[in-house]
Amino acid sequence: MTLKNLFFDLDGTVVESSTGIINGFRYAFDKLNFPQLPDETLNTFIGPPLEATFQSLSEGNLAWAEKATRIYREYYAHKGMLEAEPYAGMVETLTQLKALDYQLYIATSKKEDVAIKMLNSLGLDHHFKGIFGSTPQTPTKTLVLKHALQTTHSAAEHSVMIGDRDYDIIGGQNNHVAKTIGVLWGFGGINELEKAGTDLIIDHPKQLLESVK
């Protein structure tokens, strides 16, 4: 089995973005006079589609969820997006993987235009042949990855999904990729990744070099 195409989640996998995301939620809650939630709870919101998170808090009030999403994105577009940095060892690992002729892509639940802007602002965009994110047509990780595989003509049997949350792993499984790799430096944790049935769990970016051979 030859692995060629590596699809990376963004938040919690390539970049440590919790500060900007948590601040975005706090900004939205403050504007809407919604009770502030503890960091432990807010950390669970990192990664899943934003709309779904606010809908889960809205008690069925979709108008509130839409307004909260809009306010969050107002903060994130101007400030939160910049409150992020690549994980230690990630840039070196991406550089080495690219030198070894792996094809690197982003497959994230973050809005696609925001993901592109973030990677550009961090100077990371040149590592990736394509950046795929959430759009109205691809609202879930499964659909984002499906679109990414099709657009890049990447055969699933030669592709890997790498991420820190269960839906990254499930998205890879639903698209029948050759391998799923769960990472422990993000926000999901070992229990979540094991329950999702990931093929492999690693705890440092440099381990990717051996994991995709």
Protein backbone atom coordinates (compact mmCIF):
# COMPACT_ATOMS: atom_id res chain seq x y z
CA MET A 1 0.00 0.00 0.00
CA THR A 2 1.60 3.24 -1.18
CA LEU A 3 0.49 6.35 0.67
CA LYS A 4 0.77 9.56 -1.35
CA ASN A 5 -1.95 12.01 -0.37
CA LEU A 6 -2.05 13.43 3.15
CA PHE A 7 -5.16 15.33 4.23
CA PHE A 8 -4.71 17.38 7.39
CA ASP A 9 -7.32 18.83 9.68
CA LEU A 10 -6.44 22.44 10.57
CA ASP A 11 -7.46 23.49 14.11
CA GLY A 12 -5.88 21.22 16.69
CA THR A 13 -3.78 19.43 14.08
CA VAL A 14 -1.69 21.92 12.10
CA VAL A 15 -2.31 25.04 14.21
CA GLU A 16 -2.94 25.78 17.88
CA SER A 17 -5.90 28.09 17.41
CA SER A 18 -7.75 27.74 20.71
CA THR A 19 -7.12 31.31 21.90
CA GLY A 20 -8.79 32.93 18.90
CA ILE A 21 -11.66 30.45 18.84
CA ILE A 22 -12.41 30.74 22.56
CA ASN A 23 -12.19 34.52 22.38
CA GLY A 24 -14.62 34.44 19.46
CA PHE A 25 -17.15 32.48 21.49
CA ARG A 26 -16.72 34.80 24.46
CA TYR A 27 -17.21 37.82 22.20
CA ALA A 28 -20.42 36.35 20.75
CA PHE A 29 -21.77 35.37 24.17
CA ASP A 30 -21.06 38.84 25.52
CA LYS A 31 -22.83 40.54 22.61
CA LEU A 32 -25.86 38.28 23.05
CA ASN A 33 -25.94 38.40 26.87
CA PHE A 34 -25.50 34.63 26.90
CA PRO A 35 -23.92 33.07 30.02
CA GLN A 36 -20.18 32.58 29.63
CA LEU A 37 -19.08 28.93 29.60
CA PRO A 38 -15.92 27.46 31.16
CA ASP A 39 -12.84 26.89 29.02
CA GLU A 40 -13.27 23.12 29.40
CA THR A 41 -16.61 23.37 27.61
CA LEU A 42 -15.38 25.85 25.02
CA ASN A 43 -12.49 23.53 24.13
CA THR A 44 -15.04 20.93 22.98
CA PHE A 45 -16.33 23.46 20.44
CA ILE A 46 -12.99 23.59 18.63
CA GLY A 47 -13.22 21.70 15.37
CA PRO A 48 -16.90 20.89 14.83
CA PRO A 49 -18.86 23.06 12.36
CA LEU A 50 -19.58 26.42 13.97
CA GLU A 51 -23.25 26.50 12.98
CA ALA A 52 -23.90 23.12 14.60
CA THR A 53 -22.25 24.26 17.84
CA PHE A 54 -24.40 27.38 18.14
CA GLN A 55 -27.51 25.41 17.19
CA SER A 56 -26.79 23.00 20.04
CA LEU A 57 -26.75 25.98 22.43
CA SER A 58 -29.81 27.69 20.99
CA GLU A 59 -32.55 25.35 22.28
CA GLY A 60 -34.10 25.31 18.84
CA ASN A 61 -33.83 29.05 18.19
CA LEU A 62 -32.25 28.98 14.74
CA ALA A 63 -32.39 32.77 14.37
CA TRP A 64 -30.31 33.10 17.56
CA ALA A 65 -27.83 30.50 16.29
CA GLU A 66 -27.47 32.33 12.97
CA LYS A 67 -26.92 35.66 14.74
CA ALA A 68 -24.36 34.11 17.11
CA THR A 69 -22.51 32.59 14.17
CA ARG A 70 -22.44 35.96 12.41
CA ILE A 71 -21.11 37.77 15.50
CA TYR A 72 -18.45 35.12 16.11
CA ARG A 73 -17.23 35.42 12.53
CA GLU A 74 -17.13 39.20 12.86
CA TYR A 75 -14.58 38.82 15.67
CA TYR A 76 -12.72 35.93 14.10
CA ALA A 77 -12.22 37.60 10.72
CA HIS A 78 -10.62 40.68 12.25
CA LYS A 79 -8.73 39.29 15.23
CA GLY A 80 -9.30 35.66 16.19
CA MET A 81 -7.82 34.29 12.99
CA LEU A 82 -4.51 35.91 13.91
CA GLU A 83 -4.47 34.39 17.42
CA ALA A 84 -3.00 31.11 16.19
CA GLU A 85 0.37 29.51 15.53
CA PRO A 86 1.64 26.21 14.13
CA TYR A 87 2.34 23.46 16.64
CA ALA A 88 5.98 22.90 17.59
CA GLY A 89 7.62 20.69 14.98
CA MET A 90 4.79 21.04 12.47
CA VAL A 91 6.54 23.34 9.98
CA GLU A 92 9.63 21.13 9.91
CA THR A 93 7.49 18.03 9.44
CA LEU A 94 5.47 19.56 6.60
CA THR A 95 8.70 20.64 4.90
CA GLN A 96 10.15 17.13 5.14
CA LEU A 97 6.96 15.45 3.94
CA LYS A 98 6.78 17.75 0.94
CA ALA A 99 10.45 17.06 0.15
CA LEU A 100 9.62 13.35 0.17
CA ASP A 101 7.04 14.05 -2.56
CA TYR A 102 3.90 13.55 -0.49
CA GLN A 103 0.95 15.62 -1.66
CA LEU A 104 -0.29 17.70 1.28
CA TYR A 105 -3.81 19.09 1.62
CA ILE A 106 -6.01 20.72 4.25
CA ALA A 107 -9.49 19.29 4.92
CA THR A 108 -11.14 21.36 7.66
CA SER A 109 -14.61 22.11 9.02
CA LYS A 110 -13.57 25.77 9.20
CA LYS A 111 -15.08 27.95 6.48
CA GLU A 112 -12.93 27.50 3.41
CA ASP A 113 -12.23 31.20 2.84
CA VAL A 114 -11.27 31.65 6.50
CA ALA A 115 -8.95 28.62 6.39
CA ILE A 116 -7.20 30.04 3.33
CA LYS A 117 -6.78 33.46 4.95
CA MET A 118 -5.46 31.92 8.17
CA LEU A 119 -2.86 29.79 6.42
CA ASN A 120 -1.83 32.76 4.29
CA SER A 121 -1.44 34.99 7.34
CA LEU A 122 0.66 32.35 9.12
CA GLY A 123 2.83 31.77 6.04
CA LEU A 124 1.82 28.11 5.87
CA ASP A 125 -0.22 28.04 2.68
CA HIS A 126 2.72 27.13 0.43
CA HIS A 127 3.05 23.74 2.12
CA PHE A 128 -0.34 22.59 0.76
CA LYS A 129 -1.42 21.81 -2.79
CA GLY A 130 -5.02 22.49 -1.86
CA ILE A 131 -7.05 23.92 1.03
CA PHE A 132 -10.57 22.56 1.44
CA GLY A 133 -13.06 23.72 4.04
CA SER A 134 -16.70 24.03 4.88
CA THR A 135 -19.03 25.51 2.26
CA PRO A 136 -22.82 25.34 1.87
CA GLN A 137 -22.25 22.24 -0.27
CA THR A 138 -19.77 20.63 2.16
CA PRO A 139 -21.01 21.27 5.73
CA THR A 140 -19.42 18.17 7.33
CA LYS A 141 -15.92 16.72 7.50
CA THR A 142 -17.07 13.69 5.51
CA LEU A 143 -18.29 15.91 2.67
CA VAL A 144 -15.25 18.21 2.85
CA LEU A 145 -12.93 15.23 2.47
CA LYS A 146 -15.07 13.68 -0.26
CA HIS A 147 -14.90 16.92 -2.24
CA ALA A 148 -11.15 17.21 -1.62
CA LEU A 149 -10.49 13.66 -2.82
CA GLN A 150 -12.57 14.18 -5.95
CA THR A 151 -11.16 17.62 -6.78
CA THR A 152 -7.54 16.51 -6.41
CA HIS A 153 -8.13 13.16 -8.14
CA SER A 154 -6.67 11.46 -5.08
CA ALA A 155 -7.41 7.75 -4.84
CA ALA A 156 -8.74 6.88 -1.38
CA GLU A 157 -6.55 3.77 -1.24
CA HIS A 158 -3.47 6.01 -1.44
CA SER A 159 -4.75 8.68 0.97
CA VAL A 160 -4.52 9.41 4.70
CA MET A 161 -6.70 11.56 6.97
CA ILE A 162 -4.88 13.17 9.90
CA GLY A 163 -6.76 14.90 12.72
CA ASP A 164 -7.34 15.38 16.42
CA ARG A 165 -11.10 14.77 16.71
CA ASP A 166 -13.40 11.80 16.21
CA TYR A 167 -15.15 13.35 13.21
CA ASP A 168 -11.78 13.59 11.42
CA ILE A 169 -11.36 9.86 11.82
CA ILE A 170 -14.98 9.12 10.93
CA GLY A 171 -14.70 11.38 7.89
CA GLY A 172 -11.71 9.37 6.73
CA GLN A 173 -13.51 6.08 7.33
CA ASN A 174 -16.62 7.25 5.48
CA ASN A 175 -14.43 8.04 2.49
CA HIS A 176 -12.58 4.71 2.73
CA VAL A 177 -9.11 6.23 2.96
CA ALA A 178 -6.22 3.82 3.42
CA LYS A 179 -5.30 5.10 6.88
CA THR A 180 -6.54 7.41 9.60
CA ILE A 181 -4.10 8.99 12.06
CA GLY A 182 -5.25 10.56 15.31
CA VAL A 183 -3.03 13.18 16.93
CA LEU A 184 -2.81 13.83 20.66
CA TRP A 185 -1.52 17.42 20.60
CA GLY A 186 -4.98 18.76 19.73
CA PHE A 187 -8.33 18.77 21.49
CA GLY A 188 -9.83 15.30 21.12
CA GLY A 189 -7.81 13.06 23.41
CA ILE A 190 -6.94 9.39 23.29
CA ASN A 191 -10.32 8.05 24.44
CA GLU A 192 -12.20 9.95 21.75
CA LEU A 193 -9.80 8.83 19.03
CA GLU A 194 -9.78 5.20 20.13
CA LYS A 195 -13.58 5.13 20.30
CA ALA A 196 -13.71 6.47 16.74
CA GLY A 197 -11.51 3.55 15.64
CA THR A 198 -8.49 5.41 14.33
CA ASP A 199 -5.80 3.24 12.77
CA LEU A 200 -2.94 4.96 14.58
CA ILE A 201 -2.39 7.51 17.34
CA ILE A 202 0.70 9.72 17.56
CA ASP A 203 1.81 12.39 20.03
CA HIS A 204 4.28 14.53 18.03
CA PRO A 205 4.26 15.85 14.46
CA LYS A 206 7.64 14.29 13.65
CA GLN A 207 6.06 10.84 14.07
CA LEU A 208 4.12 11.47 10.88
CA LEU A 209 7.27 10.80 8.88
CA GLU A 210 7.27 7.15 9.98
CA SER A 211 3.50 6.82 10.14
CA VAL A 212 2.87 7.43 6.43
CA LYS A 213 5.62 5.21 5.03
